[in-house]
Amino acid sequence: MATIAESNDVHTIIVVFTVDPENQHALVEHLRDVAADHSKQDGFLCCAIHRSEDGTRVAEYIQWRSRRHWQAMIDTPAGSAHVNSPSFVTDAHIYEVASVTEA
């Protein structure tokens, strides 16, 4: 389960995909399969996949134990192919939690 906290020392990647509404479900399924593969890698913590209600976006929130663990996944042939595929990723960045407000 994703833990979002200011004191969390994890490597977080947030990716936003732009997709035609008729392709949203297929992209979600593809990302689910990729996450299942990544979950077998050392250092993988979680991946949450979100789809927009209008069908035009998919957002992925991924946590790795460290940048080193994430980089080890990227250095595999499958990881490199996934991350460097221009047909999938439209906006990907590495983040750290700056603030959390809870009720």
C-alpha atoms as a PDB file:
ATOM      1  CA  MET A   1       0.000   0.000   0.000  1.00  0.00           C
ATOM      2  CA  ALA A   2       1.264   3.482  -0.806  1.00  0.00           C
ATOM      3  CA  THR A   3       2.358   5.468   2.196  1.00  0.00           C
ATOM      4  CA  ILE A   4       2.464   9.199   1.606  1.00  0.00           C
ATOM      5  CA  ALA A   5       4.277  11.006   4.389  1.00  0.00           C
ATOM      6  CA  GLU A   6       6.752  13.858   4.678  1.00  0.00           C
ATOM      7  CA  SER A   7       9.130  11.634   6.624  1.00  0.00           C
ATOM      8  CA  ASN A   8       8.992   8.831   4.044  1.00  0.00           C
ATOM      9  CA  ASP A   9      12.383   8.233   2.507  1.00  0.00           C
ATOM     10  CA  VAL A  10      11.166   6.597  -0.701  1.00  0.00           C
ATOM     11  CA  HIS A  11      11.648   7.231  -4.388  1.00  0.00           C
ATOM     12  CA  THR A  12       8.332   8.372  -5.902  1.00  0.00           C
ATOM     13  CA  ILE A  13       7.571   8.608  -9.618  1.00  0.00           C
ATOM     14  CA  ILE A  14       4.338  10.110 -10.902  1.00  0.00           C
ATOM     15  CA  VAL A  15       3.520   9.471 -14.542  1.00  0.00           C
ATOM     16  CA  VAL A  16       0.616  10.955 -16.497  1.00  0.00           C
ATOM     17  CA  PHE A  17      -0.398   9.381 -19.803  1.00  0.00           C
ATOM     18  CA  THR A  18      -2.627  10.998 -22.418  1.00  0.00           C
ATOM     19  CA  VAL A  19      -4.785   8.473 -24.215  1.00  0.00           C
ATOM     20  CA  ASP A  20      -7.779   8.300 -26.520  1.00  0.00           C
ATOM     21  CA  PRO A  21     -10.814   7.279 -24.450  1.00  0.00           C
ATOM     22  CA  GLU A  22     -11.252   4.046 -26.413  1.00  0.00           C
ATOM     23  CA  ASN A  23      -7.671   3.041 -25.465  1.00  0.00           C
ATOM     24  CA  GLN A  24      -7.787   3.903 -21.762  1.00  0.00           C
ATOM     25  CA  HIS A  25      -8.791   0.439 -20.560  1.00  0.00           C
ATOM     26  CA  ALA A  26      -6.053  -1.251 -22.613  1.00  0.00           C
ATOM     27  CA  LEU A  27      -3.436   1.134 -21.200  1.00  0.00           C
ATOM     28  CA  VAL A  28      -4.601   0.478 -17.633  1.00  0.00           C
ATOM     29  CA  GLU A  29      -4.350  -3.273 -18.231  1.00  0.00           C
ATOM     30  CA  HIS A  30      -0.891  -2.891 -19.762  1.00  0.00           C
ATOM     31  CA  LEU A  31       0.312  -0.812 -16.789  1.00  0.00           C
ATOM     32  CA  ARG A  32      -1.173  -3.363 -14.397  1.00  0.00           C
ATOM     33  CA  ASP A  33       0.899  -6.085 -16.097  1.00  0.00           C
ATOM     34  CA  VAL A  34       4.049  -3.951 -15.976  1.00  0.00           C
ATOM     35  CA  ALA A  35       3.473  -3.210 -12.274  1.00  0.00           C
ATOM     36  CA  ALA A  36       3.027  -6.928 -11.590  1.00  0.00           C
ATOM     37  CA  ASP A  37       6.412  -7.579 -13.224  1.00  0.00           C
ATOM     38  CA  HIS A  38       8.046  -4.717 -11.312  1.00  0.00           C
ATOM     39  CA  SER A  39       6.575  -5.963  -8.036  1.00  0.00           C
ATOM     40  CA  LYS A  40       8.945  -8.925  -8.275  1.00  0.00           C
ATOM     41  CA  GLN A  41      11.960  -6.588  -8.311  1.00  0.00           C
ATOM     42  CA  ASP A  42      13.912  -5.876  -5.145  1.00  0.00           C
ATOM     43  CA  GLY A  43      12.957  -2.493  -3.716  1.00  0.00           C
ATOM     44  CA  PHE A  44       9.544  -2.154  -5.345  1.00  0.00           C
ATOM     45  CA  LEU A  45       7.006  -0.827  -2.839  1.00  0.00           C
ATOM     46  CA  CYS A  46       3.780  -0.068  -4.715  1.00  0.00           C
ATOM     47  CA  CYS A  47       2.074   1.210  -7.830  1.00  0.00           C
ATOM     48  CA  ALA A  48      -1.329   2.882  -7.940  1.00  0.00           C
ATOM     49  CA  ILE A  49      -2.990   3.388 -11.322  1.00  0.00           C
ATOM     50  CA  HIS A  50      -5.713   6.008 -11.702  1.00  0.00           C
ATOM     51  CA  ARG A  51      -7.937   6.667 -14.719  1.00  0.00           C
ATOM     52  CA  SER A  52      -9.707   9.934 -15.469  1.00  0.00           C
ATOM     53  CA  GLU A  53     -13.470   9.884 -15.675  1.00  0.00           C
ATOM     54  CA  ASP A  54     -13.392  11.441 -19.153  1.00  0.00           C
ATOM     55  CA  GLY A  55     -11.173   8.616 -20.439  1.00  0.00           C
ATOM     56  CA  THR A  56      -8.329  10.856 -21.677  1.00  0.00           C
ATOM     57  CA  ARG A  57      -5.745  10.374 -18.925  1.00  0.00           C
ATOM     58  CA  VAL A  58      -4.153   7.642 -16.851  1.00  0.00           C
ATOM     59  CA  ALA A  59      -1.963   8.538 -13.880  1.00  0.00           C
ATOM     60  CA  GLU A  60       0.460   6.179 -12.212  1.00  0.00           C
ATOM     61  CA  TYR A  61       1.927   6.684  -8.724  1.00  0.00           C
ATOM     62  CA  ILE A  62       4.944   4.441  -8.112  1.00  0.00           C
ATOM     63  CA  GLN A  63       7.104   4.044  -5.019  1.00  0.00           C
ATOM     64  CA  TRP A  64      10.515   2.380  -4.865  1.00  0.00           C
ATOM     65  CA  ARG A  65      12.606   1.944  -1.720  1.00  0.00           C
ATOM     66  CA  SER A  66      15.410   4.055  -3.245  1.00  0.00           C
ATOM     67  CA  ARG A  67      16.649   5.602  -6.458  1.00  0.00           C
ATOM     68  CA  ARG A  68      19.175   2.746  -6.641  1.00  0.00           C
ATOM     69  CA  HIS A  69      16.349   0.175  -6.681  1.00  0.00           C
ATOM     70  CA  TRP A  70      14.466   2.107  -9.362  1.00  0.00           C
ATOM     71  CA  GLN A  71      17.644   2.432 -11.439  1.00  0.00           C
ATOM     72  CA  ALA A  72      18.266  -1.323 -11.198  1.00  0.00           C
ATOM     73  CA  MET A  73      14.819  -1.896 -12.730  1.00  0.00           C
ATOM     74  CA  ILE A  74      15.529   0.675 -15.468  1.00  0.00           C
ATOM     75  CA  ASP A  75      18.794  -1.101 -16.262  1.00  0.00           C
ATOM     76  CA  THR A  76      16.963  -4.318 -17.198  1.00  0.00           C
ATOM     77  CA  PRO A  77      15.968  -4.730 -20.871  1.00  0.00           C
ATOM     78  CA  ALA A  78      12.242  -4.800 -20.012  1.00  0.00           C
ATOM     79  CA  GLY A  79      12.501  -1.821 -17.659  1.00  0.00           C
ATOM     80  CA  SER A  80      14.419   0.238 -20.181  1.00  0.00           C
ATOM     81  CA  ALA A  81      11.935  -0.596 -22.941  1.00  0.00           C
ATOM     82  CA  HIS A  82       8.999   0.450 -20.756  1.00  0.00           C
ATOM     83  CA  VAL A  83      10.491   3.698 -19.480  1.00  0.00           C
ATOM     84  CA  ASN A  84      11.908   4.807 -22.831  1.00  0.00           C
ATOM     85  CA  SER A  85       8.796   4.077 -24.897  1.00  0.00           C
ATOM     86  CA  PRO A  86       7.597   7.415 -26.315  1.00  0.00           C
ATOM     87  CA  SER A  87       4.271   5.826 -27.242  1.00  0.00           C
ATOM     88  CA  PHE A  88       3.358   5.462 -23.560  1.00  0.00           C
ATOM     89  CA  VAL A  89       4.834   8.052 -21.207  1.00  0.00           C
ATOM     90  CA  THR A  90       3.717  11.617 -21.762  1.00  0.00           C
ATOM     91  CA  ASP A  91       4.808  13.213 -18.488  1.00  0.00           C
ATOM     92  CA  ALA A  92       6.991  11.492 -15.887  1.00  0.00           C
ATOM     93  CA  HIS A  93       8.844  13.077 -12.982  1.00  0.00           C
ATOM     94  CA  ILE A  94      10.469  12.085  -9.711  1.00  0.00           C
ATOM     95  CA  TYR A  95       8.931  13.673  -6.611  1.00  0.00           C
ATOM     96  CA  GLU A  96       9.443  13.974  -2.894  1.00  0.00           C
ATOM     97  CA  VAL A  97       6.594  14.656  -0.504  1.00  0.00           C
ATOM     98  CA  ALA A  98       6.584  18.321   0.491  1.00  0.00           C
ATOM     99  CA  SER A  99       3.444  18.357   2.643  1.00  0.00           C
ATOM    100  CA  VAL A 100       0.629  16.103   3.831  1.00  0.00           C
ATOM    101  CA  THR A 101      -2.607  17.387   5.350  1.00  0.00           C
ATOM    102  CA  GLU A 102      -5.048  14.948   6.918  1.00  0.00           C
ATOM    103  CA  ALA A 103      -8.477  15.386   8.494  1.00  0.00           C
END
